[in-house]
């Protein structure tokens, strides 16, 4: 037969990590396309590389979310 100690067991407290911030979903290709086309139109639909409009739209949408 075992005897019980007169002391109550100490409660163990586990430290919790702060809740992780939810990352906003990355903008969809459709969202980027719409905004990039808007920028392209604002520039007068010039010939050349559309990458600058795409990158600008992508960056703006990422920082807005």
N, C-alpha and C. Protein backbone atom coordinates (compact mmCIF):
# COMPACT_ATOMS: atom_id res chain seq x y z
N UNK A 1 0.84 -1.18 0.00
CA UNK A 1 0.00 0.00 0.00
C UNK A 1 0.88 1.24 0.00
N UNK A 2 0.49 2.26 -0.81
CA UNK A 2 1.28 3.47 -0.87
C UNK A 2 0.62 4.55 -0.03
N UNK A 3 1.45 5.40 0.49
CA UNK A 3 0.90 6.50 1.29
C UNK A 3 0.95 7.77 0.47
N UNK A 4 -0.04 8.61 0.68
CA UNK A 4 -0.10 9.86 -0.04
C UNK A 4 0.57 10.94 0.76
N UNK A 5 1.23 11.82 0.08
CA UNK A 5 1.88 12.95 0.73
C UNK A 5 0.81 13.93 1.16
N UNK A 6 1.08 14.66 2.20
CA UNK A 6 0.10 15.64 2.68
C UNK A 6 0.10 16.89 1.83
N UNK A 7 1.12 17.04 1.00
CA UNK A 7 1.18 18.22 0.14
C UNK A 7 0.44 17.95 -1.17
N UNK A 8 -0.27 18.96 -1.63
CA UNK A 8 -0.94 18.85 -2.92
C UNK A 8 0.11 18.99 -4.01
N UNK A 9 -0.06 18.30 -5.08
CA UNK A 9 0.92 18.43 -6.16
C UNK A 9 0.92 19.86 -6.71
N UNK A 10 2.10 20.30 -7.05
CA UNK A 10 2.23 21.65 -7.59
C UNK A 10 1.67 21.69 -9.00
N UNK A 11 0.94 22.74 -9.26
CA UNK A 11 0.39 22.91 -10.61
C UNK A 11 1.52 23.36 -11.52
N UNK A 12 1.60 22.73 -12.63
CA UNK A 12 2.62 23.16 -13.59
C UNK A 12 1.95 24.09 -14.60
N UNK A 13 2.59 25.20 -14.79
CA UNK A 13 2.05 26.14 -15.77
C UNK A 13 2.95 26.12 -16.98
N UNK A 14 2.34 25.91 -18.09
CA UNK A 14 3.09 25.91 -19.34
C UNK A 14 2.99 27.31 -19.92
N UNK A 15 4.14 27.82 -20.33
CA UNK A 15 4.11 29.14 -20.95
C UNK A 15 3.59 28.97 -22.37
N UNK A 16 2.67 29.82 -22.72
CA UNK A 16 2.09 29.77 -24.05
C UNK A 16 2.78 30.77 -24.95
N UNK A 17 2.97 30.35 -26.16
CA UNK A 17 3.53 31.27 -27.14
C UNK A 17 2.42 32.20 -27.59
N UNK A 18 2.76 33.46 -27.83
CA UNK A 18 1.72 34.35 -28.34
C UNK A 18 1.17 33.84 -29.66
N UNK A 19 -0.10 34.08 -29.88
CA UNK A 19 -0.73 33.62 -31.11
C UNK A 19 -0.02 34.24 -32.31
N UNK A 20 0.24 33.43 -33.27
CA UNK A 20 0.91 33.91 -34.48
C UNK A 20 -0.04 34.80 -35.27
N UNK A 21 0.50 35.86 -35.81
CA UNK A 21 -0.32 36.73 -36.64
C UNK A 21 -0.65 36.00 -37.92
N UNK A 22 -1.90 36.10 -38.30
CA UNK A 22 -2.30 35.47 -39.55
C UNK A 22 -1.77 36.31 -40.70
N UNK A 23 -1.14 35.64 -41.62
CA UNK A 23 -0.64 36.34 -42.79
C UNK A 23 -1.78 36.49 -43.78
N UNK A 24 -1.85 37.66 -44.36
CA UNK A 24 -2.86 37.88 -45.37
C UNK A 24 -2.55 37.02 -46.58
N UNK A 25 -3.60 36.59 -47.22
CA UNK A 25 -3.39 35.79 -48.42
C UNK A 25 -2.73 36.64 -49.49
N UNK A 26 -1.88 36.01 -50.23
CA UNK A 26 -1.20 36.71 -51.33
C UNK A 26 -2.25 37.14 -52.35
N UNK A 27 -2.03 38.28 -52.97
CA UNK A 27 -3.01 38.71 -53.97
C UNK A 27 -3.06 37.72 -55.13
N UNK A 28 -4.25 37.54 -55.67
CA UNK A 28 -4.41 36.60 -56.79
C UNK A 28 -3.87 37.23 -58.08
N UNK A 29 -3.63 36.38 -59.05
CA UNK A 29 -3.16 36.87 -60.34
C UNK A 29 -4.20 37.79 -60.97
N UNK A 30 -5.47 37.48 -60.75
CA UNK A 30 -6.53 38.31 -61.31
C UNK A 30 -6.51 39.72 -60.70
N UNK A 31 -6.29 39.79 -59.39
CA UNK A 31 -6.21 41.10 -58.73
C UNK A 31 -5.03 41.91 -59.25
N UNK A 32 -3.90 41.25 -59.37
CA UNK A 32 -2.70 41.93 -59.86
C UNK A 32 -2.92 42.39 -61.30
N UNK A 33 -3.51 41.51 -62.12
CA UNK A 33 -3.76 41.85 -63.52
C UNK A 33 -4.64 43.09 -63.64
N UNK A 34 -5.73 43.12 -62.89
CA UNK A 34 -6.64 44.27 -62.97
C UNK A 34 -5.92 45.57 -62.62
N UNK A 35 -5.16 45.55 -61.53
CA UNK A 35 -4.47 46.76 -61.10
C UNK A 35 -3.35 47.14 -62.08
N UNK A 36 -2.62 46.14 -62.58
CA UNK A 36 -1.55 46.41 -63.53
C UNK A 36 -2.12 47.02 -64.82
N UNK A 37 -3.25 46.51 -65.28
CA UNK A 37 -3.87 47.07 -66.48
C UNK A 37 -4.33 48.51 -66.24
N UNK A 38 -4.78 48.79 -65.03
CA UNK A 38 -5.18 50.16 -64.69
C UNK A 38 -3.96 51.08 -64.78
N UNK A 39 -2.83 50.64 -64.22
CA UNK A 39 -1.62 51.45 -64.28
C UNK A 39 -1.16 51.64 -65.72
N UNK A 40 -1.26 50.58 -66.52
CA UNK A 40 -0.86 50.63 -67.92
C UNK A 40 -1.72 51.65 -68.67
N UNK A 41 -3.03 51.61 -68.42
CA UNK A 41 -3.95 52.56 -69.06
C UNK A 41 -3.63 53.99 -68.64
N UNK A 42 -3.32 54.17 -67.35
CA UNK A 42 -2.98 55.51 -66.86
C UNK A 42 -1.73 56.05 -67.55
N UNK A 43 -0.85 55.14 -67.98
CA UNK A 43 0.38 55.56 -68.67
C UNK A 43 0.17 55.69 -70.17
N UNK A 44 -1.07 55.49 -70.64
CA UNK A 44 -1.37 55.67 -72.06
C UNK A 44 -1.10 54.45 -72.91
N UNK A 45 -1.13 53.27 -72.33
CA UNK A 45 -0.91 52.01 -73.04
C UNK A 45 0.36 52.01 -73.89
N UNK A 46 1.48 52.35 -73.30
CA UNK A 46 2.72 52.39 -74.10
C UNK A 46 3.19 50.99 -74.47
N UNK A 47 3.93 50.92 -75.55
CA UNK A 47 4.57 49.65 -75.92
C UNK A 47 5.76 49.47 -74.98
N UNK A 48 6.20 48.28 -74.85
CA UNK A 48 7.36 48.04 -74.01
C UNK A 48 7.08 46.96 -72.98
N UNK A 49 7.76 47.06 -71.88
CA UNK A 49 7.65 45.99 -70.89
C UNK A 49 6.53 46.26 -69.89
N UNK A 50 5.62 45.31 -69.76
CA UNK A 50 4.54 45.46 -68.79
C UNK A 50 4.96 45.09 -67.37
N UNK A 51 6.22 44.65 -67.22
CA UNK A 51 6.68 44.19 -65.92
C UNK A 51 6.61 45.27 -64.85
N UNK A 52 6.89 46.51 -65.22
CA UNK A 52 6.88 47.56 -64.21
C UNK A 52 5.48 47.75 -63.65
N UNK A 53 4.45 47.65 -64.49
CA UNK A 53 3.08 47.78 -63.99
C UNK A 53 2.70 46.58 -63.13
N UNK A 54 3.11 45.39 -63.57
CA UNK A 54 2.82 44.17 -62.81
C UNK A 54 3.48 44.23 -61.44
N UNK A 55 4.76 44.56 -61.40
CA UNK A 55 5.49 44.60 -60.13
C UNK A 55 4.93 45.68 -59.20
N UNK A 56 4.59 46.81 -59.77
CA UNK A 56 4.00 47.89 -58.96
C UNK A 56 2.67 47.44 -58.36
N UNK A 57 1.83 46.81 -59.18
CA UNK A 57 0.52 46.34 -58.71
C UNK A 57 0.69 45.26 -57.64
N UNK A 58 1.60 44.33 -57.89
CA UNK A 58 1.83 43.24 -56.94
C UNK A 58 2.31 43.79 -55.59
N UNK A 59 3.26 44.70 -55.63
CA UNK A 59 3.79 45.27 -54.39
C UNK A 59 2.72 46.05 -53.64
N UNK A 60 1.94 46.83 -54.36
CA UNK A 60 0.91 47.63 -53.71
C UNK A 60 -0.14 46.74 -53.04
N UNK A 61 -0.55 45.68 -53.72
CA UNK A 61 -1.54 44.77 -53.14
C UNK A 61 -0.98 44.03 -51.94
N UNK A 62 0.28 43.66 -51.97
CA UNK A 62 0.88 42.96 -50.84
C UNK A 62 0.96 43.86 -49.61
N UNK A 63 1.31 45.12 -49.80
CA UNK A 63 1.44 46.01 -48.65
C UNK A 63 0.10 46.49 -48.14
N UNK A 64 -0.92 46.44 -48.99
CA UNK A 64 -2.25 46.87 -48.58
C UNK A 64 -2.95 45.82 -47.72
N UNK A 65 -2.53 44.58 -47.83
CA UNK A 65 -3.22 43.52 -47.07
C UNK A 65 -2.64 43.30 -45.72
